[in-house]
C-alpha cells in the first residue's frame, strides 16, 4: 500500500499544481507527462476542471478582443478623448 501511495503522489497533481499547469499551458507547450497529469487531475477534480474551463474562456475572449477586426477600430481613442485624459492626468499630478 505504501508503494501505491508513493506512486500516486508522483503521478497525481495537487490542486495547486494543476491550476499552475492549467495557467501555464496558455504560454508554453506542456510536456507529455504534464498533459497526462493535468488530464487525470481534471477528470477527478470538478473545481480545477471549472478553473481550467474558465481560464480557457478568458484566453479566448482576450484573443478575440486583441485580434478580431470588429474590435480593432474600437481600441483607438479620438484626439478629443486623448486630450481630456491628458488634462486630467496633468491636473492630478500638479
C-alpha atoms as a PDB file:
ATOM      1  CA  UNK A   1       0.000   0.000   0.000  1.00  0.00           C
ATOM      2  CA  UNK A   2       2.858   2.400   0.781  1.00  0.00           C
ATOM      3  CA  UNK A   3       4.295   1.825  -2.679  1.00  0.00           C
ATOM      4  CA  UNK A   4       0.934   2.599  -4.285  1.00  0.00           C
ATOM      5  CA  UNK A   5       0.645   5.832  -2.281  1.00  0.00           C
ATOM      6  CA  UNK A   6       4.148   6.878  -3.316  1.00  0.00           C
ATOM      7  CA  UNK A   7       3.341   6.140  -6.946  1.00  0.00           C
ATOM      8  CA  UNK A   8       0.085   8.101  -6.778  1.00  0.00           C
ATOM      9  CA  UNK A   9       1.872  11.025  -5.117  1.00  0.00           C
ATOM     10  CA  UNK A  10       4.263  11.194  -8.064  1.00  0.00           C
ATOM     11  CA  UNK A  11       1.551  10.784 -10.704  1.00  0.00           C
ATOM     12  CA  UNK A  12      -1.353  12.819  -9.312  1.00  0.00           C
ATOM     13  CA  UNK A  13      -1.113  16.573  -9.016  1.00  0.00           C
ATOM     14  CA  UNK A  14      -2.355  18.665  -6.135  1.00  0.00           C
ATOM     15  CA  UNK A  15      -4.940  21.334  -6.938  1.00  0.00           C
ATOM     16  CA  UNK A  16      -2.236  23.997  -6.669  1.00  0.00           C
ATOM     17  CA  UNK A  17      -0.031  22.157  -9.176  1.00  0.00           C
ATOM     18  CA  UNK A  18      -2.973  21.541 -11.507  1.00  0.00           C
ATOM     19  CA  UNK A  19      -4.049  25.197 -11.542  1.00  0.00           C
ATOM     20  CA  UNK A  20      -0.460  26.270 -12.237  1.00  0.00           C
ATOM     21  CA  UNK A  21      -0.223  23.891 -15.196  1.00  0.00           C
ATOM     22  CA  UNK A  22      -3.642  24.978 -16.399  1.00  0.00           C
ATOM     23  CA  UNK A  23      -2.489  28.602 -16.435  1.00  0.00           C
ATOM     24  CA  UNK A  24       0.968  27.848 -17.855  1.00  0.00           C
ATOM     25  CA  UNK A  25      -0.412  25.866 -20.790  1.00  0.00           C
ATOM     26  CA  UNK A  26      -1.544  29.131 -22.370  1.00  0.00           C
ATOM     27  CA  UNK A  27       2.047  30.338 -22.559  1.00  0.00           C
ATOM     28  CA  UNK A  28       4.091  27.236 -23.249  1.00  0.00           C
ATOM     29  CA  UNK A  29       3.531  23.748 -24.565  1.00  0.00           C
ATOM     30  CA  UNK A  30       3.111  21.179 -21.822  1.00  0.00           C
ATOM     31  CA  UNK A  31       5.166  18.017 -21.947  1.00  0.00           C
ATOM     32  CA  UNK A  32       3.526  14.625 -22.353  1.00  0.00           C
ATOM     33  CA  UNK A  33       3.725  13.769 -18.644  1.00  0.00           C
ATOM     34  CA  UNK A  34       2.385  17.202 -17.643  1.00  0.00           C
ATOM     35  CA  UNK A  35      -0.544  16.837 -20.056  1.00  0.00           C
ATOM     36  CA  UNK A  36      -1.415  13.399 -18.700  1.00  0.00           C
ATOM     37  CA  UNK A  37      -1.123  14.525 -15.084  1.00  0.00           C
ATOM     38  CA  UNK A  38      -3.349  17.530 -15.762  1.00  0.00           C
ATOM     39  CA  UNK A  39      -5.935  15.434 -17.616  1.00  0.00           C
ATOM     40  CA  UNK A  40      -6.022  12.884 -14.784  1.00  0.00           C
ATOM     41  CA  UNK A  41      -6.460  15.605 -12.183  1.00  0.00           C
ATOM     42  CA  UNK A  42      -9.186  17.378 -14.163  1.00  0.00           C
ATOM     43  CA  UNK A  43     -11.004  14.064 -14.522  1.00  0.00           C
ATOM     44  CA  UNK A  44     -11.342  13.701 -10.749  1.00  0.00           C
ATOM     45  CA  UNK A  45     -11.491  17.335  -9.558  1.00  0.00           C
ATOM     46  CA  UNK A  46     -14.526  19.391 -10.542  1.00  0.00           C
ATOM     47  CA  UNK A  47     -13.162  22.630  -9.044  1.00  0.00           C
ATOM     48  CA  UNK A  48      -9.962  22.501 -11.081  1.00  0.00           C
ATOM     49  CA  UNK A  49     -11.958  21.488 -14.142  1.00  0.00           C
ATOM     50  CA  UNK A  50     -14.101  24.625 -13.742  1.00  0.00           C
ATOM     51  CA  UNK A  51     -10.959  26.764 -13.261  1.00  0.00           C
ATOM     52  CA  UNK A  52      -9.425  25.228 -16.385  1.00  0.00           C
ATOM     53  CA  UNK A  53     -12.568  25.885 -18.431  1.00  0.00           C
ATOM     54  CA  UNK A  54     -12.884  29.476 -17.217  1.00  0.00           C
ATOM     55  CA  UNK A  55      -9.223  30.139 -17.961  1.00  0.00           C
ATOM     56  CA  UNK A  56      -9.724  28.874 -21.493  1.00  0.00           C
ATOM     57  CA  UNK A  57     -12.778  31.101 -21.951  1.00  0.00           C
ATOM     58  CA  UNK A  58     -10.877  34.149 -20.685  1.00  0.00           C
ATOM     59  CA  UNK A  59      -7.956  33.391 -23.003  1.00  0.00           C
ATOM     60  CA  UNK A  60     -10.324  33.128 -25.986  1.00  0.00           C
ATOM     61  CA  UNK A  61     -12.038  36.413 -25.081  1.00  0.00           C
ATOM     62  CA  UNK A  62      -8.722  38.251 -24.776  1.00  0.00           C
ATOM     63  CA  UNK A  63      -7.516  36.800 -28.064  1.00  0.00           C
ATOM     64  CA  UNK A  64     -10.749  37.824 -29.772  1.00  0.00           C
ATOM     65  CA  UNK A  65     -10.526  41.343 -28.340  1.00  0.00           C
ATOM     66  CA  UNK A  66      -6.925  41.755 -29.465  1.00  0.00           C
ATOM     67  CA  UNK A  67      -7.211  40.274 -32.946  1.00  0.00           C
ATOM     68  CA  UNK A  68     -10.837  40.410 -34.119  1.00  0.00           C
ATOM     69  CA  UNK A  69     -11.391  43.084 -36.775  1.00  0.00           C
ATOM     70  CA  UNK A  70     -14.656  44.344 -35.300  1.00  0.00           C
ATOM     71  CA  UNK A  71     -12.868  45.274 -32.043  1.00  0.00           C
ATOM     72  CA  UNK A  72      -9.729  46.772 -33.596  1.00  0.00           C
ATOM     73  CA  UNK A  73     -11.396  50.028 -34.631  1.00  0.00           C
ATOM     74  CA  UNK A  74     -12.836  50.499 -31.135  1.00  0.00           C
ATOM     75  CA  UNK A  75      -9.410  50.416 -29.465  1.00  0.00           C
ATOM     76  CA  UNK A  76      -8.256  53.813 -30.687  1.00  0.00           C
ATOM     77  CA  UNK A  77      -9.163  56.964 -28.812  1.00  0.00           C
ATOM     78  CA  UNK A  78     -10.170  60.119 -30.583  1.00  0.00           C
ATOM     79  CA  UNK A  79      -7.876  63.116 -30.228  1.00  0.00           C
ATOM     80  CA  UNK A  80     -10.507  64.793 -28.079  1.00  0.00           C
ATOM     81  CA  UNK A  81     -10.605  61.882 -25.620  1.00  0.00           C
ATOM     82  CA  UNK A  82      -6.799  61.707 -25.538  1.00  0.00           C
ATOM     83  CA  UNK A  83      -6.673  65.415 -24.716  1.00  0.00           C
ATOM     84  CA  UNK A  84      -9.235  65.059 -21.915  1.00  0.00           C
ATOM     85  CA  UNK A  85      -7.302  62.160 -20.397  1.00  0.00           C
ATOM     86  CA  UNK A  86      -4.022  64.064 -20.633  1.00  0.00           C
ATOM     87  CA  UNK A  87      -5.576  67.121 -18.979  1.00  0.00           C
ATOM     88  CA  UNK A  88      -6.986  65.007 -16.156  1.00  0.00           C
ATOM     89  CA  UNK A  89      -3.612  63.359 -15.561  1.00  0.00           C
ATOM     90  CA  UNK A  90      -1.836  66.725 -15.637  1.00  0.00           C
ATOM     91  CA  UNK A  91      -4.300  68.157 -13.093  1.00  0.00           C
ATOM     92  CA  UNK A  92      -3.887  65.176 -10.766  1.00  0.00           C
ATOM     93  CA  UNK A  93      -0.095  65.390 -10.914  1.00  0.00           C
ATOM     94  CA  UNK A  94       0.033  69.102 -10.144  1.00  0.00           C
END
